[in-house]
Amino acid sequence: MTVCKHAYYSGRVQGVGFRFTAQHVAQGFAVAGFVRNLQDGTVEVLAEGSEEQVNGFFSTLAQRMAEYIEESKVEDEPPQGVRGFRIKY
């Protein structure tokens, strides 16, 4: 069963390689989605795949970027059928 999670990270999350780290971490999991910087200084991440893969992706990303994240909010959403994982600009 495919799940979709939409996350927002705040803190010192822009200008520290967050998007590139997310893209790199995604390569180790069977997830599709995107990562992008938002104008308010937060980073948005959407990932979908199996629950195990999506949870593993978000867990690994949070561990790798823990020193920069002050707050995170993760919401469940209906799957959108995205393909691949990319950085949005």
PDB file of N, CA and C in Angstrom:
ATOM      1  N   MET A   1       0.835  -1.178   0.000  1.00  0.00           N
ATOM      2  CA  MET A   1       0.000   0.000   0.000  1.00  0.00           C
ATOM      3  C   MET A   1       0.886   1.249   0.000  1.00  0.00           C
ATOM      4  N   THR A   2       0.575   2.168  -0.874  1.00  0.00           N
ATOM      5  CA  THR A   2       1.342   3.401  -0.995  1.00  0.00           C
ATOM      6  C   THR A   2       0.825   4.445  -0.017  1.00  0.00           C
ATOM      7  N   VAL A   3       1.763   5.093   0.681  1.00  0.00           N
ATOM      8  CA  VAL A   3       1.426   6.193   1.586  1.00  0.00           C
ATOM      9  C   VAL A   3       2.149   7.449   1.101  1.00  0.00           C
ATOM     10  N   CYS A   4       1.651   8.595   1.533  1.00  0.00           N
ATOM     11  CA  CYS A   4       2.264   9.865   1.189  1.00  0.00           C
ATOM     12  C   CYS A   4       2.367  10.706   2.451  1.00  0.00           C
ATOM     13  N   LYS A   5       3.541  11.262   2.683  1.00  0.00           N
ATOM     14  CA  LYS A   5       3.746  12.146   3.831  1.00  0.00           C
ATOM     15  C   LYS A   5       4.345  13.463   3.333  1.00  0.00           C
ATOM     16  N   HIS A   6       3.834  14.546   3.899  1.00  0.00           N
ATOM     17  CA  HIS A   6       4.244  15.889   3.532  1.00  0.00           C
ATOM     18  C   HIS A   6       4.836  16.522   4.784  1.00  0.00           C
ATOM     19  N   ALA A   7       6.086  16.948   4.719  1.00  0.00           N
ATOM     20  CA  ALA A   7       6.770  17.463   5.898  1.00  0.00           C
ATOM     21  C   ALA A   7       7.267  18.885   5.672  1.00  0.00           C
ATOM     22  N   TYR A   8       7.317  19.613   6.779  1.00  0.00           N
ATOM     23  CA  TYR A   8       7.873  20.966   6.782  1.00  0.00           C
ATOM     24  C   TYR A   8       8.896  21.037   7.913  1.00  0.00           C
ATOM     25  N   TYR A   9      10.085  21.499   7.584  1.00  0.00           N
ATOM     26  CA  TYR A   9      11.162  21.609   8.559  1.00  0.00           C
ATOM     27  C   TYR A   9      11.548  23.074   8.722  1.00  0.00           C
ATOM     28  N   SER A  10      11.734  23.485   9.974  1.00  0.00           N
ATOM     29  CA  SER A  10      12.193  24.847  10.231  1.00  0.00           C
ATOM     30  C   SER A  10      13.410  24.800  11.134  1.00  0.00           C
ATOM     31  N   GLY A  11      14.091  25.902  11.183  1.00  0.00           N
ATOM     32  CA  GLY A  11      15.346  26.024  11.918  1.00  0.00           C
ATOM     33  C   GLY A  11      16.346  26.673  10.987  1.00  0.00           C
ATOM     34  N   ARG A  12      17.566  26.204  11.047  1.00  0.00           N
ATOM     35  CA  ARG A  12      18.592  26.682  10.106  1.00  0.00           C
ATOM     36  C   ARG A  12      18.692  25.631   9.004  1.00  0.00           C
ATOM     37  N   VAL A  13      17.645  25.553   8.188  1.00  0.00           N
ATOM     38  CA  VAL A  13      17.524  24.453   7.229  1.00  0.00           C
ATOM     39  C   VAL A  13      17.799  24.866   5.779  1.00  0.00           C
ATOM     40  N   GLN A  14      17.987  26.155   5.552  1.00  0.00           N
ATOM     41  CA  GLN A  14      18.351  26.596   4.208  1.00  0.00           C
ATOM     42  C   GLN A  14      19.808  27.020   4.192  1.00  0.00           C
ATOM     43  N   GLY A  15      20.481  26.711   3.085  1.00  0.00           N
ATOM     44  CA  GLY A  15      21.889  27.066   2.960  1.00  0.00           C
ATOM     45  C   GLY A  15      22.834  26.092   3.645  1.00  0.00           C
ATOM     46  N   VAL A  16      22.321  24.917   4.018  1.00  0.00           N
ATOM     47  CA  VAL A  16      23.151  23.927   4.721  1.00  0.00           C
ATOM     48  C   VAL A  16      23.178  22.581   3.990  1.00  0.00           C
ATOM     49  N   GLY A  17      22.707  22.560   2.745  1.00  0.00           N
ATOM     50  CA  GLY A  17      22.702  21.316   1.969  1.00  0.00           C
ATOM     51  C   GLY A  17      21.521  20.408   2.254  1.00  0.00           C
ATOM     52  N   PHE A  18      20.463  20.947   2.830  1.00  0.00           N
ATOM     53  CA  PHE A  18      19.299  20.123   3.187  1.00  0.00           C
ATOM     54  C   PHE A  18      18.688  19.458   1.953  1.00  0.00           C
ATOM     55  N   ARG A  19      18.480  20.224   0.886  1.00  0.00           N
ATOM     56  CA  ARG A  19      17.842  19.654  -0.320  1.00  0.00           C
ATOM     57  C   ARG A  19      18.695  18.558  -0.931  1.00  0.00           C
ATOM     58  N   PHE A  20      20.002  18.799  -0.996  1.00  0.00           N
ATOM     59  CA  PHE A  20      20.881  17.799  -1.594  1.00  0.00           C
ATOM     60  C   PHE A  20      20.981  16.556  -0.717  1.00  0.00           C
ATOM     61  N   THR A  21      20.970  16.753   0.594  1.00  0.00           N
ATOM     62  CA  THR A  21      20.967  15.621   1.513  1.00  0.00           C
ATOM     63  C   THR A  21      19.686  14.812   1.340  1.00  0.00           C
ATOM     64  N   ALA A  22      18.547  15.497   1.252  1.00  0.00           N
ATOM     65  CA  ALA A  22      17.268  14.803   1.059  1.00  0.00           C
ATOM     66  C   ALA A  22      17.279  13.993  -0.230  1.00  0.00           C
ATOM     67  N   GLN A  23      17.792  14.589  -1.292  1.00  0.00           N
ATOM     68  CA  GLN A  23      17.848  13.878  -2.575  1.00  0.00           C
ATOM     69  C   GLN A  23      18.768  12.655  -2.467  1.00  0.00           C
ATOM     70  N   HIS A  24      19.889  12.811  -1.794  1.00  0.00           N
ATOM     71  CA  HIS A  24      20.823  11.703  -1.620  1.00  0.00           C
ATOM     72  C   HIS A  24      20.203  10.591  -0.763  1.00  0.00           C
ATOM     73  N   VAL A  25      19.567  10.961   0.349  1.00  0.00           N
ATOM     74  CA  VAL A  25      18.915   9.973   1.219  1.00  0.00           C
ATOM     75  C   VAL A  25      17.822   9.233   0.449  1.00  0.00           C
ATOM     76  N   ALA A  26      17.072   9.943  -0.371  1.00  0.00           N
ATOM     77  CA  ALA A  26      15.983   9.332  -1.141  1.00  0.00           C
ATOM     78  C   ALA A  26      16.489   8.227  -2.063  1.00  0.00           C
ATOM     79  N   GLN A  27      17.721   8.341  -2.520  1.00  0.00           N
ATOM     80  CA  GLN A  27      18.285   7.320  -3.407  1.00  0.00           C
ATOM     81  C   GLN A  27      18.418   5.973  -2.716  1.00  0.00           C
ATOM     82  N   GLY A  28      18.466   5.968  -1.382  1.00  0.00           N
ATOM     83  CA  GLY A  28      18.591   4.728  -0.633  1.00  0.00           C
ATOM     84  C   GLY A  28      17.253   4.100  -0.272  1.00  0.00           C
ATOM     85  N   PHE A  29      16.169   4.728  -0.669  1.00  0.00           N
ATOM     86  CA  PHE A  29      14.832   4.238  -0.353  1.00  0.00           C
ATOM     87  C   PHE A  29      13.969   4.244  -1.608  1.00  0.00           C
ATOM     88  N   ALA A  30      12.978   3.386  -1.635  1.00  0.00           N
ATOM     89  CA  ALA A  30      12.039   3.333  -2.758  1.00  0.00           C
ATOM     90  C   ALA A  30      10.941   4.366  -2.516  1.00  0.00           C
ATOM     91  N   VAL A  31      11.324   5.653  -2.649  1.00  0.00           N
ATOM     92  CA  VAL A  31      10.370   6.743  -2.456  1.00  0.00           C
ATOM     93  C   VAL A  31      10.399   7.667  -3.666  1.00  0.00           C
ATOM     94  N   ALA A  32       9.297   8.347  -3.869  1.00  0.00           N
ATOM     95  CA  ALA A  32       9.189   9.369  -4.896  1.00  0.00           C
ATOM     96  C   ALA A  32       8.732  10.642  -4.214  1.00  0.00           C
ATOM     97  N   GLY A  33       9.043  11.779  -4.797  1.00  0.00           N
ATOM     98  CA  GLY A  33       8.594  13.033  -4.226  1.00  0.00           C
ATOM     99  C   GLY A  33       9.508  14.174  -4.574  1.00  0.00           C
ATOM    100  N   PHE A  34       9.571  15.148  -3.660  1.00  0.00           N
ATOM    101  CA  PHE A  34      10.387  16.326  -3.910  1.00  0.00           C
ATOM    102  C   PHE A  34      10.791  16.994  -2.606  1.00  0.00           C
ATOM    103  N   VAL A  35      11.751  17.890  -2.729  1.00  0.00           N
ATOM    104  CA  VAL A  35      12.185  18.750  -1.633  1.00  0.00           C
ATOM    105  C   VAL A  35      12.364  20.144  -2.219  1.00  0.00           C
ATOM    106  N   ARG A  36      11.987  21.175  -1.447  1.00  0.00           N
ATOM    107  CA  ARG A  36      12.211  22.540  -1.908  1.00  0.00           C
ATOM    108  C   ARG A  36      12.247  23.511  -0.733  1.00  0.00           C
ATOM    109  N   ASN A  37      12.974  24.606  -0.962  1.00  0.00           N
ATOM    110  CA  ASN A  37      13.012  25.698  -0.002  1.00  0.00           C
ATOM    111  C   ASN A  37      11.762  26.546  -0.194  1.00  0.00           C
ATOM    112  N   LEU A  38      11.204  27.029   0.907  1.00  0.00           N
ATOM    113  CA  LEU A  38      10.066  27.932   0.846  1.00  0.00           C
ATOM    114  C   LEU A  38      10.517  29.334   1.239  1.00  0.00           C
ATOM    115  N   GLN A  39       9.756  30.321   0.797  1.00  0.00           N
ATOM    116  CA  GLN A  39      10.128  31.725   1.027  1.00  0.00           C
ATOM    117  C   GLN A  39      10.226  32.087   2.499  1.00  0.00           C
ATOM    118  N   ASP A  40       9.503  31.380   3.363  1.00  0.00           N
ATOM    119  CA  ASP A  40       9.520  31.718   4.790  1.00  0.00           C
ATOM    120  C   ASP A  40      10.711  31.119   5.543  1.00  0.00           C
ATOM    121  N   GLY A  41      11.640  30.485   4.801  1.00  0.00           N
ATOM    122  CA  GLY A  41      12.833  29.926   5.427  1.00  0.00           C
ATOM    123  C   GLY A  41      12.725  28.463   5.808  1.00  0.00           C
ATOM    124  N   THR A  42      11.562  27.863   5.575  1.00  0.00           N
ATOM    125  CA  THR A  42      11.387  26.444   5.870  1.00  0.00           C
ATOM    126  C   THR A  42      11.724  25.603   4.643  1.00  0.00           C
ATOM    127  N   VAL A  43      11.810  24.310   4.859  1.00  0.00           N
ATOM    128  CA  VAL A  43      12.012  23.354   3.769  1.00  0.00           C
ATOM    129  C   VAL A  43      10.816  22.420   3.745  1.00  0.00           C
ATOM    130  N   GLU A  44      10.289  22.183   2.556  1.00  0.00           N
ATOM    131  CA  GLU A  44       9.141  21.300   2.338  1.00  0.00           C
ATOM    132  C   GLU A  44       9.634  20.006   1.690  1.00  0.00           C
ATOM    133  N   VAL A  45       9.149  18.879   2.197  1.00  0.00           N
ATOM    134  CA  VAL A  45       9.515  17.579   1.642  1.00  0.00           C
ATOM    135  C   VAL A  45       8.247  16.746   1.489  1.00  0.00           C
ATOM    136  N   LEU A  46       8.049  16.163   0.328  1.00  0.00           N
ATOM    137  CA  LEU A  46       6.950  15.233   0.090  1.00  0.00           C
ATOM    138  C   LEU A  46       7.566  13.911  -0.339  1.00  0.00           C
ATOM    139  N   ALA A  47       7.103  12.825   0.261  1.00  0.00           N
ATOM    140  CA  ALA A  47       7.609  11.504  -0.116  1.00  0.00           C
ATOM    141  C   ALA A  47       6.474  10.503  -0.098  1.00  0.00           C
ATOM    142  N   GLU A  48       6.476   9.639  -1.104  1.00  0.00           N
ATOM    143  CA  GLU A  48       5.501   8.558  -1.106  1.00  0.00           C
ATOM    144  C   GLU A  48       6.145   7.264  -1.557  1.00  0.00           C
ATOM    145  N   GLY A  49       5.547   6.185  -1.065  1.00  0.00           N
ATOM    146  CA  GLY A  49       6.047   4.844  -1.313  1.00  0.00           C
ATOM    147  C   GLY A  49       5.393   3.944  -0.278  1.00  0.00           C
ATOM    148  N   SER A  50       6.008   2.804  -0.011  1.00  0.00           N
ATOM    149  CA  SER A  50       5.464   1.954   1.047  1.00  0.00           C
ATOM    150  C   SER A  50       5.681   2.648   2.386  1.00  0.00           C
ATOM    151  N   GLU A  51       4.869   2.316   3.365  1.00  0.00           N
ATOM    152  CA  GLU A  51       4.989   2.962   4.677  1.00  0.00           C
ATOM    153  C   GLU A  51       6.390   2.777   5.255  1.00  0.00           C
ATOM    154  N   GLU A  52       6.930   1.577   5.133  1.00  0.00           N
ATOM    155  CA  GLU A  52       8.264   1.289   5.655  1.00  0.00           C
ATOM    156  C   GLU A  52       9.327   2.162   4.989  1.00  0.00           C
ATOM    157  N   GLN A  53       9.260   2.292   3.667  1.00  0.00           N
ATOM    158  CA  GLN A  53      10.252   3.074   2.933  1.00  0.00           C
ATOM    159  C   GLN A  53      10.134   4.572   3.236  1.00  0.00           C
ATOM    160  N   VAL A  54       8.911   5.086   3.283  1.00  0.00           N
ATOM    161  CA  VAL A  54       8.696   6.507   3.568  1.00  0.00           C
ATOM    162  C   VAL A  54       9.150   6.831   4.986  1.00  0.00           C
ATOM    163  N   ASN A  55       8.780   6.006   5.946  1.00  0.00           N
ATOM    164  CA  ASN A  55       9.196   6.237   7.332  1.00  0.00           C
ATOM    165  C   ASN A  55      10.716   6.160   7.472  1.00  0.00           C
ATOM    166  N   GLY A  56      11.327   5.210   6.793  1.00  0.00           N
ATOM    167  CA  GLY A  56      12.784   5.095   6.815  1.00  0.00           C
ATOM    168  C   GLY A  56      13.466   6.310   6.213  1.00  0.00           C
ATOM    169  N   PHE A  57      12.915   6.800   5.120  1.00  0.00           N
ATOM    170  CA  PHE A  57      13.455   8.002   4.480  1.00  0.00           C
ATOM    171  C   PHE A  57      13.407   9.195   5.436  1.00  0.00           C
ATOM    172  N   PHE A  58      12.223   9.453   6.014  1.00  0.00           N
ATOM    173  CA  PHE A  58      12.089  10.605   6.912  1.00  0.00           C
ATOM    174  C   PHE A  58      12.938  10.447   8.173  1.00  0.00           C
ATOM    175  N   SER A  59      13.034   9.247   8.691  1.00  0.00           N
ATOM    176  CA  SER A  59      13.853   9.006   9.872  1.00  0.00           C
ATOM    177  C   SER A  59      15.324   9.277   9.583  1.00  0.00           C
ATOM    178  N   THR A  60      15.809   8.774   8.474  1.00  0.00           N
ATOM    179  CA  THR A  60      17.207   8.971   8.093  1.00  0.00           C
ATOM    180  C   THR A  60      17.496  10.437   7.809  1.00  0.00           C
ATOM    181  N   LEU A  61      16.591  11.106   7.105  1.00  0.00           N
ATOM    182  CA  LEU A  61      16.768  12.527   6.813  1.00  0.00           C
ATOM    183  C   LEU A  61      16.833  13.334   8.113  1.00  0.00           C
ATOM    184  N   ALA A  62      15.931  13.048   9.035  1.00  0.00           N
ATOM    185  CA  ALA A  62      15.913  13.763  10.319  1.00  0.00           C
ATOM    186  C   ALA A  62      17.201  13.535  11.103  1.00  0.00           C
ATOM    187  N   GLN A  63      17.730  12.319  11.061  1.00  0.00           N
ATOM    188  CA  GLN A  63      18.984  12.018  11.766  1.00  0.00           C
ATOM    189  C   GLN A  63      20.145  12.784  11.147  1.00  0.00           C
ATOM    190  N   ARG A  64      20.213  12.784   9.825  1.00  0.00           N
ATOM    191  CA  ARG A  64      21.329  13.438   9.133  1.00  0.00           C
ATOM    192  C   ARG A  64      21.306  14.952   9.296  1.00  0.00           C
ATOM    193  N   MET A  65      20.114  15.536   9.390  1.00  0.00           N
ATOM    194  CA  MET A  65      19.990  16.993   9.457  1.00  0.00           C
ATOM    195  C   MET A  65      19.589  17.487  10.847  1.00  0.00           C
ATOM    196  N   ALA A  66      19.701  16.640  11.853  1.00  0.00           N
ATOM    197  CA  ALA A  66      19.227  16.951  13.205  1.00  0.00           C
ATOM    198  C   ALA A  66      19.809  18.246  13.763  1.00  0.00           C
ATOM    199  N   GLU A  67      21.064  18.532  13.472  1.00  0.00           N
ATOM    200  CA  GLU A  67      21.671  19.734  14.048  1.00  0.00           C
ATOM    201  C   GLU A  67      21.088  21.025  13.480  1.00  0.00           C
ATOM    202  N   TYR A  68      20.363  20.951  12.371  1.00  0.00           N
ATOM    203  CA  TYR A  68      19.786  22.135  11.738  1.00  0.00           C
ATOM    204  C   TYR A  68      18.286  22.274  11.970  1.00  0.00           C
ATOM    205  N   ILE A  69      17.615  21.181  12.304  1.00  0.00           N
ATOM    206  CA  ILE A  69      16.159  21.186  12.447  1.00  0.00           C
ATOM    207  C   ILE A  69      15.770  21.603  13.862  1.00  0.00           C
ATOM    208  N   GLU A  70      14.933  22.624  13.955  1.00  0.00           N
ATOM    209  CA  GLU A  70      14.382  23.023  15.248  1.00  0.00           C
ATOM    210  C   GLU A  70      12.972  22.473  15.426  1.00  0.00           C
ATOM    211  N   GLU A  71      12.197  22.487  14.352  1.00  0.00           N
ATOM    212  CA  GLU A  71      10.833  21.961  14.391  1.00  0.00           C
ATOM    213  C   GLU A  71      10.529  21.231  13.095  1.00  0.00           C
ATOM    214  N   SER A  72       9.670  20.228  13.207  1.00  0.00           N
ATOM    215  CA  SER A  72       9.192  19.538  12.008  1.00  0.00           C
ATOM    216  C   SER A  72       7.716  19.212  12.182  1.00  0.00           C
ATOM    217  N   LYS A  73       7.038  19.220  11.072  1.00  0.00           N
ATOM    218  CA  LYS A  73       5.616  18.886  11.044  1.00  0.00           C
ATOM    219  C   LYS A  73       5.421  17.936   9.873  1.00  0.00           C
ATOM    220  N   VAL A  74       4.890  16.755  10.145  1.00  0.00           N
ATOM    221  CA  VAL A  74       4.673  15.755   9.100  1.00  0.00           C
ATOM    222  C   VAL A  74       3.195  15.413   9.064  1.00  0.00           C
ATOM    223  N   GLU A  75       2.613  15.500   7.875  1.00  0.00           N
ATOM    224  CA  GLU A  75       1.191  15.225   7.686  1.00  0.00           C
ATOM    225  C   GLU A  75       1.011  14.085   6.689  1.00  0.00           C
ATOM    226  N   ASP A  76       0.036  13.238   6.943  1.00  0.00           N
ATOM    227  CA  ASP A  76      -0.337  12.204   5.972  1.00  0.00           C
ATOM    228  C   ASP A  76      -1.235  12.821   4.918  1.00  0.00           C
ATOM    229  N   GLU A  77      -1.045  12.402   3.674  1.00  0.00           N
ATOM    230  CA  GLU A  77      -1.865  12.874   2.559  1.00  0.00           C
ATOM    231  C   GLU A  77      -2.194  11.696   1.659  1.00  0.00           C
ATOM    232  N   PRO A  78      -3.204  11.854   0.827  1.00  0.00           N
ATOM    233  CA  PRO A  78      -3.464  10.807  -0.169  1.00  0.00           C
ATOM    234  C   PRO A  78      -2.295  10.755  -1.162  1.00  0.00           C
ATOM    235  N   PRO A  79      -1.901   9.570  -1.610  1.00  0.00           N
ATOM    236  CA  PRO A  79      -0.828   9.459  -2.603  1.00  0.00           C
ATOM    237  C   PRO A  79      -1.164  10.262  -3.860  1.00  0.00           C
ATOM    238  N   GLN A  80      -0.146  10.891  -4.432  1.00  0.00           N
ATOM    239  CA  GLN A  80      -0.325  11.743  -5.605  1.00  0.00           C
ATOM    240  C   GLN A  80       0.187  11.113  -6.885  1.00  0.00           C
ATOM    241  N   GLY A  81       0.821   9.959  -6.775  1.00  0.00           N
ATOM    242  CA  GLY A  81       1.324   9.287  -7.971  1.00  0.00           C
ATOM    243  C   GLY A  81       2.560   9.939  -8.565  1.00  0.00           C
ATOM    244  N   VAL A  82       3.358  10.593  -7.735  1.00  0.00           N
ATOM    245  CA  VAL A  82       4.580  11.220  -8.244  1.00  0.00           C
ATOM    246  C   VAL A  82       5.603  10.151  -8.600  1.00  0.00           C
ATOM    247  N   ARG A  83       6.506  10.515  -9.481  1.00  0.00           N
ATOM    248  CA  ARG A  83       7.555   9.585  -9.904  1.00  0.00           C
ATOM    249  C   ARG A  83       8.911  10.250  -9.706  1.00  0.00           C
ATOM    250  N   GLY A  84       9.863   9.470  -9.250  1.00  0.00           N
ATOM    251  CA  GLY A  84      11.195   9.997  -9.017  1.00  0.00           C
ATOM    252  C   GLY A  84      11.241  10.925  -7.812  1.00  0.00           C
ATOM    253  N   PHE A  85      12.418  11.284  -7.416  1.00  0.00           N
ATOM    254  CA  PHE A  85      12.580  12.235  -6.317  1.00  0.00           C
ATOM    255  C   PHE A  85      13.459  13.351  -6.826  1.00  0.00           C
ATOM    256  N   ARG A  86      13.009  14.591  -6.670  1.00  0.00           N
ATOM    257  CA  ARG A  86      13.769  15.701  -7.244  1.00  0.00           C
ATOM    258  C   ARG A  86      13.764  16.925  -6.349  1.00  0.00           C
ATOM    259  N   ILE A  87      14.695  17.792  -6.622  1.00  0.00           N
ATOM    260  CA  ILE A  87      14.732  19.091  -5.972  1.00  0.00           C
ATOM    261  C   ILE A  87      13.893  20.033  -6.816  1.00  0.00           C
ATOM    262  N   LYS A  88      12.942  20.694  -6.190  1.00  0.00           N
ATOM    263  CA  LYS A  88      12.149  21.714  -6.867  1.00  0.00           C
ATOM    264  C   LYS A  88      12.747  23.071  -6.565  1.00  0.00           C
ATOM    265  N   TYR A  89      12.766  23.919  -7.571  1.00  0.00           N
ATOM    266  CA  TYR A  89      13.287  25.276  -7.397  1.00  0.00           C
ATOM    267  C   TYR A  89      12.168  26.283  -7.581  1.00  0.00           C
TER     268      TYR A  89
END
